[in-house]
Protein backbone atom coordinates (compact mmCIF):
# COMPACT_ATOMS: atom_id res chain seq x y z
CA MET A 1 18.52 6.04 -6.63
CA ILE A 2 16.87 6.83 -3.30
CA VAL A 3 14.74 9.93 -2.77
CA ILE A 4 13.30 10.96 0.58
CA ALA A 5 10.49 13.51 0.38
CA ASP A 6 8.92 15.32 3.32
CA ASP A 7 5.42 15.05 1.87
CA ILE A 8 3.69 12.63 -0.46
CA THR A 9 2.76 15.01 -3.28
CA GLY A 10 6.37 16.11 -3.47
CA ALA A 11 7.31 12.43 -3.58
CA ALA A 12 4.82 11.88 -6.40
CA GLU A 13 6.21 14.84 -8.33
CA ILE A 14 9.72 13.40 -8.16
CA ALA A 15 8.45 9.94 -9.07
CA GLY A 16 6.71 11.43 -12.11
CA ILE A 17 9.91 13.08 -13.31
CA ALA A 18 11.81 9.78 -13.06
CA PHE A 19 8.95 8.01 -14.84
CA GLN A 20 9.13 10.51 -17.71
CA HIS A 21 12.83 9.68 -18.01
CA GLY A 22 11.83 6.09 -18.82
CA LEU A 23 12.82 4.72 -15.44
CA GLN A 24 10.99 2.15 -13.31
CA VAL A 25 9.72 4.00 -10.26
CA HIS A 26 8.30 2.80 -6.96
CA LEU A 27 6.74 5.14 -4.40
CA SER A 28 6.06 4.13 -0.83
CA ILE A 29 4.78 5.71 2.34
CA GLY A 30 7.53 5.11 4.87
CA ALA A 31 10.26 2.47 4.61
CA ASP A 32 10.80 -0.96 6.10
CA GLY A 33 14.49 -1.27 5.25
CA GLU A 34 13.94 -2.84 1.84
CA VAL A 35 14.80 -0.97 -1.35
CA SER A 36 12.38 -1.92 -4.11
CA PRO A 37 13.83 -3.56 -7.25
CA CYS A 38 13.49 -0.48 -9.42
CA ASP A 39 15.54 2.38 -10.80
CA VAL A 40 14.23 5.05 -8.43
CA HIS A 41 12.62 4.41 -5.05
CA VAL A 42 10.84 7.48 -3.67
CA ILE A 43 9.86 7.45 -0.01
CA ALA A 44 7.31 9.85 1.48
CA THR A 45 7.84 10.57 5.16
CA ASP A 46 5.26 13.31 5.92
CA THR A 47 7.81 14.94 8.23
CA ARG A 48 6.60 18.36 7.10
CA SER A 49 3.45 17.69 9.11
CA MET A 50 5.37 16.66 12.23
CA THR A 51 7.01 18.77 14.89
CA GLU A 52 10.73 19.30 14.45
CA GLN A 53 11.37 16.99 17.40
CA GLU A 54 9.43 14.25 15.59
CA ALA A 55 10.70 15.00 12.08
CA VAL A 56 14.45 14.77 12.74
CA PRO A 57 14.58 11.21 14.12
CA ALA A 58 11.99 10.02 11.59
CA THR A 59 14.06 11.26 8.65
CA LYS A 60 17.28 9.95 10.12
CA GLN A 61 15.82 6.53 10.83
CA ILE A 62 14.57 6.02 7.28
CA LEU A 63 17.94 6.76 5.70
CA MET A 64 19.72 4.56 8.25
CA LEU A 65 17.38 1.70 7.33
CA LEU A 66 18.34 2.10 3.69
CA THR A 67 22.07 2.69 4.15
CA PRO A 68 24.20 -0.46 3.83
CA HIS A 69 26.69 0.72 6.45
CA PRO A 70 25.34 3.66 8.48
CA SER A 71 28.24 5.96 9.08
CA GLY A 72 26.91 7.84 12.10
CA GLN A 73 29.43 10.52 12.95
CA THR A 74 32.09 9.34 10.48
CA SER A 75 33.62 11.77 8.01
CA GLN A 76 33.45 9.20 5.19
CA PRO A 77 30.35 9.49 3.00
CA SER A 78 28.04 6.49 2.93
CA PRO A 79 27.95 4.41 -0.29
CA LEU A 80 24.39 5.67 -0.66
CA THR A 81 25.36 9.33 -0.82
CA SER A 82 25.94 9.63 -4.58
CA LEU A 83 22.51 8.08 -5.24
CA PHE A 84 20.56 10.03 -2.64
CA PHE A 85 18.37 13.13 -2.95
CA LYS A 86 16.30 14.95 -0.34
CA LYS A 87 13.13 16.48 -1.81
CA THR A 88 12.02 19.66 -0.04
CA ASP A 89 9.20 22.10 -0.65
CA SER A 90 9.61 24.78 -3.32
CA ALA A 91 7.66 27.16 -1.07
CA LEU A 92 10.20 26.84 1.79
CA ARG A 93 7.93 24.91 4.15
CA GLY A 94 9.16 22.17 6.47
CA HIS A 95 11.90 21.55 9.04
CA VAL A 96 14.54 21.85 6.36
CA ILE A 97 17.81 22.67 8.13
CA ALA A 98 17.20 20.34 11.05
CA GLU A 99 16.49 17.42 8.71
CA LEU A 100 19.46 18.16 6.47
CA SER A 101 21.75 18.31 9.49
CA ALA A 102 20.49 14.92 10.62
CA LEU A 103 21.01 13.43 7.16
CA MET A 104 24.58 14.73 7.07
CA GLN A 105 25.26 12.75 10.24
CA VAL A 106 23.98 9.57 8.59
CA THR A 107 25.69 10.00 5.22
CA GLY A 108 28.91 11.40 6.59
CA CYS A 109 28.69 14.30 4.16
CA GLN A 110 30.49 17.50 5.04
CA ARG A 111 27.81 19.79 3.66
CA ALA A 112 24.46 19.96 1.90
CA VAL A 113 23.30 22.15 -0.96
CA PHE A 114 19.73 23.33 -0.44
CA LEU A 115 18.19 24.71 -3.64
CA PRO A 116 14.39 25.06 -3.48
CA ALA A 117 14.17 27.27 -6.56
CA ASN A 118 11.99 26.00 -9.42
CA PRO A 119 12.72 28.38 -12.33
CA SER A 120 10.46 26.33 -14.62
CA LYS A 121 7.53 27.39 -12.46
CA GLY A 122 8.58 30.98 -11.92
CA ARG A 123 10.14 30.30 -8.51
CA VAL A 124 13.61 31.80 -8.30
CA ILE A 125 16.20 32.94 -5.79
CA ARG A 126 17.95 36.16 -6.73
CA GLN A 127 20.41 37.83 -4.34
CA GLY A 128 19.11 35.64 -1.54
CA VAL A 129 15.45 36.63 -2.04
CA TYR A 130 12.86 34.01 -2.98
CA ARG A 131 10.28 35.16 -5.53
CA ILE A 132 7.30 33.50 -7.19
CA ASN A 133 6.55 34.97 -10.60
CA GLY A 134 8.44 38.09 -9.54
CA VAL A 135 6.60 38.52 -6.24
CA PRO A 136 8.47 38.04 -2.92
CA ILE A 137 7.08 34.90 -1.34
CA HIS A 138 5.98 36.69 1.85
CA GLN A 139 3.63 38.79 -0.31
CA THR A 140 1.90 35.71 -1.78
CA ASP A 141 -0.78 33.40 -0.40
CA PHE A 142 1.98 31.39 1.26
CA SER A 143 1.95 34.00 3.99
CA PHE A 144 -1.36 32.37 5.05
CA ASP A 145 0.03 28.83 5.31
CA PRO A 146 -1.34 27.39 8.58
CA GLU A 147 1.92 25.68 9.62
CA PHE A 148 4.78 27.46 7.83
CA PRO A 149 3.60 30.97 6.93
CA ALA A 150 6.06 32.90 4.76
CA THR A 151 6.87 35.90 6.93
CA THR A 152 10.02 36.81 5.01
CA SER A 153 11.38 36.34 1.49
CA SER A 154 15.03 36.39 2.59
CA MET A 155 16.56 32.90 2.57
CA GLU A 156 18.95 33.87 5.37
CA GLU A 157 16.12 35.18 7.53
CA ARG A 158 13.94 32.15 6.83
CA PHE A 159 16.81 29.72 7.59
CA PRO A 160 19.13 31.63 9.95
CA ASP A 161 20.98 28.50 11.14
CA ALA A 162 21.87 27.20 7.67
CA ALA A 163 25.51 28.31 7.68
CA GLU A 164 26.33 26.83 11.08
CA HIS A 165 24.95 23.48 9.89
CA HIS A 166 27.03 23.64 6.68
CA VAL A 167 23.99 24.07 4.45
CA ILE A 168 24.65 26.13 1.33
CA MET A 169 21.76 28.10 -0.21
CA PRO A 170 22.79 29.36 -3.67
CA ASP A 171 20.87 31.63 -6.02
CA ALA A 172 19.18 30.15 -9.09
CA CYS A 173 17.10 31.99 -11.69
CA SER A 174 17.40 29.49 -14.57
CA VAL A 175 18.19 25.87 -15.37
CA ASP A 176 21.70 26.98 -16.36
CA ASP A 177 22.16 28.36 -12.85
CA ILE A 178 21.12 25.00 -11.38
CA ILE A 179 23.52 23.13 -13.65
CA GLN A 180 26.32 25.44 -12.55
CA VAL A 181 25.50 24.79 -8.88
CA VAL A 182 25.57 21.02 -9.41
CA ASN A 183 28.86 21.19 -11.28
CA GLU A 184 30.39 23.33 -8.55
CA TYR A 185 29.39 21.23 -5.54
CA ASP A 186 29.15 17.64 -6.83
CA ASP A 187 32.35 16.50 -5.13
CA GLY A 188 31.38 13.27 -3.37
CA HIS A 189 31.21 14.98 0.02
CA THR A 190 28.01 16.96 -0.61
CA PHE A 191 24.44 15.83 -1.00
CA PHE A 192 21.71 17.82 -2.69
CA ALA A 193 18.31 18.81 -1.39
CA GLY A 194 15.64 20.92 -2.99
CA ALA A 195 12.85 21.06 -5.53
CA ALA A 196 11.96 19.32 -8.77
CA ASP A 197 14.17 21.33 -11.13
CA LEU A 198 17.29 20.42 -9.16
CA PHE A 199 16.30 16.75 -9.14
CA THR A 200 15.78 16.82 -12.90
CA VAL A 201 19.27 18.17 -13.47
CA LEU A 202 20.77 15.56 -11.14
CA LEU A 203 18.75 12.74 -12.69
CA THR A 204 19.76 13.54 -16.26
CA SER A 205 23.38 13.63 -15.17
CA PHE A 206 22.96 10.33 -13.35
CA THR A 207 21.23 8.52 -16.23
CA SER A 208 23.13 10.24 -19.07
CA HIS A 209 19.84 10.33 -20.96
CA SER A 210 20.38 13.88 -22.11
CA ASN A 211 22.65 16.84 -21.92
CA PRO A 212 21.59 18.85 -18.84
CA SER A 213 22.22 22.10 -20.68
CA SER A 214 19.45 21.21 -23.15
CA LEU A 215 16.85 20.41 -20.52
CA ASN A 216 13.27 21.58 -20.91
CA LEU A 217 11.81 21.43 -17.41
CA HIS A 218 8.27 22.16 -18.59
CA SER A 219 5.86 19.41 -19.55
CA SER A 220 5.48 19.96 -23.29
CA HIS A 221 2.58 17.57 -23.82
CA PRO A 222 0.42 17.50 -20.69
CA SER A 223 -2.48 15.09 -20.60
CA THR A 224 -5.98 16.18 -19.70
CA LEU A 225 -7.67 15.29 -16.44
CA ASN A 226 -11.10 14.44 -17.81
CA PRO A 227 -14.17 14.21 -15.57
CA GLN A 228 -15.31 10.72 -14.69
CA PRO A 229 -18.56 9.77 -12.93
CA SER A 230 -16.84 7.87 -10.13
CA THR A 231 -14.23 10.34 -8.90
CA LEU A 232 -13.59 11.38 -5.32
CA PHE A 233 -11.66 14.65 -5.54
CA LEU A 234 -10.12 16.08 -2.37
CA CYS A 235 -8.82 19.66 -2.34
CA GLY A 236 -6.95 19.59 0.93
CA SER A 237 -5.05 22.81 0.34
CA THR A 238 -6.54 26.15 1.36
CA GLN A 239 -4.33 27.80 -1.29
CA SER A 240 -6.10 26.58 -4.40
CA VAL A 241 -9.29 26.76 -6.41
CA PRO A 242 -10.63 23.41 -7.67
CA PRO A 243 -10.63 22.83 -11.44
CA ASP A 244 -13.84 23.01 -13.41
CA ILE A 245 -14.22 19.39 -14.56
CA GLY A 246 -17.98 19.10 -14.36
CA LEU A 247 -18.25 17.52 -10.92
CA PRO A 248 -20.38 18.93 -8.06
CA VAL A 249 -18.39 20.86 -5.45
CA CYS A 250 -19.11 20.16 -1.78
CA PRO A 251 -17.36 22.81 0.36
CA MET A 252 -16.55 22.16 4.00
CA PRO A 253 -19.17 23.94 6.14
CA LEU A 254 -17.85 26.90 8.11
CA SER A 255 -18.89 25.32 11.39
CA VAL A 256 -16.87 22.18 10.59
CA TYR A 257 -13.89 24.29 9.51
CA GLU A 258 -14.00 26.21 12.80
CA GLY A 259 -14.41 23.03 14.84
CA GLU A 260 -17.89 23.83 16.09
CA SER A 261 -19.51 20.89 14.25
CA SER A 262 -18.30 17.35 13.66
CA PRO A 263 -17.31 16.09 10.19
CA SER A 264 -20.50 14.01 10.17
CA LEU A 265 -22.43 17.20 9.38
CA TRP A 266 -20.48 17.60 6.14
CA PHE A 267 -20.78 13.88 5.42
CA GLN A 268 -24.56 13.94 5.72
CA GLN A 269 -24.80 17.03 3.49
CA MET A 270 -23.02 15.43 0.54
CA LYS A 271 -23.58 11.70 1.13
CA GLU A 272 -26.51 11.53 -1.31
CA THR A 273 -24.56 13.25 -4.07
CA TYR A 274 -21.65 10.85 -3.70
CA THR A 275 -23.87 7.79 -3.40
CA SER A 276 -25.53 8.68 -6.72
CA GLY A 277 -22.21 7.97 -8.43
CA GLN A 278 -21.76 11.46 -9.86
CA GLY A 279 -18.42 11.96 -8.22
CA VAL A 280 -17.72 14.94 -5.95
CA ILE A 281 -15.09 17.54 -5.20
CA LEU A 282 -14.50 18.28 -1.51
CA THR A 283 -12.99 21.70 -0.84
CA ILE A 284 -11.94 23.91 2.07
CA PRO A 285 -13.08 27.40 1.02
CA HIS A 286 -11.99 29.10 4.26
CA ARG A 287 -8.49 30.12 5.35
CA HIS A 288 -8.82 32.59 8.21
CA LEU A 289 -7.57 30.09 10.84
CA THR A 290 -3.89 29.24 11.12
CA GLY A 291 -1.67 27.10 13.31
CA ARG A 292 -0.57 23.49 13.45
CA ALA A 293 -3.60 22.35 15.45
CA VAL A 294 -5.93 23.73 12.77
CA ALA A 295 -3.95 22.07 9.98
CA ILE A 296 -4.03 18.72 11.77
CA ARG A 297 -7.77 18.96 12.37
CA LEU A 298 -8.47 19.84 8.73
CA ARG A 299 -6.49 16.95 7.28
CA GLU A 300 -7.92 14.53 9.85
CA THR A 301 -11.38 15.69 8.79
CA MET A 302 -10.54 15.02 5.14
CA ALA A 303 -9.10 11.62 6.04
CA TRP A 304 -12.22 10.69 8.00
CA MET A 305 -14.44 11.81 5.14
CA THR A 306 -12.39 9.78 2.63
CA ASN A 307 -12.59 6.62 4.69
CA GLU A 308 -16.35 6.97 5.24
CA LEU A 309 -17.06 7.68 1.58
CA ILE A 310 -14.95 4.76 0.37
CA LYS A 311 -16.93 2.53 2.71
CA ILE A 312 -20.00 3.45 0.63
CA HIS A 313 -18.25 2.59 -2.62
CA ARG A 314 -14.70 2.74 -3.93
CA PRO A 315 -14.35 5.41 -6.63
CA GLN A 316 -12.65 4.68 -9.92
CA ARG A 317 -10.24 7.52 -9.14
CA LEU A 318 -9.14 9.14 -5.93
CA VAL A 319 -7.69 12.58 -6.70
CA ILE A 320 -5.98 14.38 -3.81
CA GLU A 321 -4.49 17.86 -3.70
CA GLY A 322 -2.17 18.78 -0.84
CA GLY A 323 0.61 16.62 0.59
CA ALA A 324 -0.41 16.41 4.23
CA THR A 325 -4.00 15.69 3.23
CA ALA A 326 -2.91 12.97 0.80
CA PHE A 327 -0.72 11.29 3.40
CA ALA A 328 -3.49 11.30 6.00
CA CYS A 329 -6.14 10.07 3.56
CA LEU A 330 -4.05 7.26 2.09
CA ASN A 331 -3.08 6.13 5.57
CA ALA A 332 -6.74 6.17 6.57
CA VAL A 333 -7.68 3.81 3.73
CA GLY A 334 -4.52 1.69 4.12
CA TRP A 335 -2.84 2.32 0.76
CA HIS A 336 0.98 2.54 1.08
CA GLN A 337 2.66 1.15 -2.07
CA PHE A 338 2.33 2.66 -5.56
CA GLN A 339 3.60 2.33 -9.11
CA VAL A 340 3.62 5.46 -11.28
CA THR A 341 1.56 5.02 -14.46
CA LYS A 342 1.06 8.50 -15.91
CA VAL A 343 2.11 12.13 -15.57
CA PHE A 344 -0.63 14.64 -16.35
CA ALA A 345 1.52 17.74 -15.82
CA PRO A 346 4.46 18.75 -13.63
CA GLY A 347 3.63 17.47 -10.14
CA VAL A 348 0.31 15.88 -11.17
CA VAL A 349 0.91 12.14 -11.15
CA ALA A 350 -1.29 9.05 -11.51
CA MET A 351 -0.38 5.85 -9.66
CA THR A 352 -1.88 2.44 -9.07
CA THR A 353 -2.03 0.47 -5.85
CA PRO A 354 -1.37 -3.29 -5.74
CA GLU A 355 -5.16 -3.69 -5.60
CA GLY A 356 -5.57 -1.82 -8.88
CA SER A 357 -6.99 1.44 -7.56
CA THR A 358 -5.97 4.69 -9.27
CA VAL A 359 -4.67 7.58 -7.18
CA ILE A 360 -3.84 10.99 -8.64
CA LEU A 361 -1.83 13.42 -6.52
CA LYS A 362 -1.05 17.11 -6.97
CA PRO A 363 0.96 19.51 -4.77
CA GLY A 364 -1.31 22.08 -3.16
CA SER A 365 0.98 24.95 -4.16
CA TYR A 366 0.79 24.25 -7.91
CA PRO A 367 -2.00 25.65 -10.13
CA TRP A 368 -4.38 23.47 -12.12
CA HIS A 369 -4.20 25.56 -15.30
CA LYS A 370 -1.53 23.35 -16.86
CA VAL A 371 -3.65 20.20 -16.55
């Protein structure tokens, strides 16, 4: 099964779900045309951090590399279609419709079902309105997102070109609703895109490991993320508060956040703490600036800091929150291939690199309280 995710923490979340189903899972940053010998190969593209003009060809190219016989404009679905899933953000961020339209061209599918609802995490779509724990998404902190601020909670208003691109956006308030959607549209000419709950339903149907109607989408026995002396913890999301795990917190200085000072100022302020081997948590406590340029600068700052700190010594664990930040940081240190080894909680996944390093990823939009 092939999964393409538009950010790496979303990719890790999907990989964790497959791992919990007892499947062999490989996660990679980008694709070179080779499908790993495993049950589920999850590919992170980072297209959410690109412009739409960059994201569309990047997504299309990856699927074409993996498709045995790219179908281009044909009306016949590719042999890959029934084993393909497009992971999108459960907070509606990204170039969703443009990417789905491009993928339909490659697969030859006539339509796509886009279902970003995650009922297991209180994220539902009712009468076309997206709500998080009962609150319309445009009234939550996602309205402050620097690249994709939620200015409306209406799915039609957020994605006005969905219908013309043959993208269906159904309601879903429960796992039963998701099962009904899958049963209705799984016809061989439709591919599915959306969040983790939809993938779980599709995966259980695909593997026949359980009856989808009996699914429990919550992690019933989450592990604990214990503090360790040698931990580099990066909170790249401006939406979250770091967990209290006994490590010193080193917030990004306001002048660095606003671009008035170079990252070296921050580095010098916390270098001694990190060098002592205590482990540190790097955070971005400010969120008054928005825009793509700001988001790029912030993640590039985190990536630079990560690379410089790892030059001092490699931590036992690298914990990263926020997909764009994780992608930038892992690219900066040259880590691209991963095997899933543990799932701490929904979306919080531990992986190892071929060199034996441990990386733990968490989506920036998920809380830490379940860990």
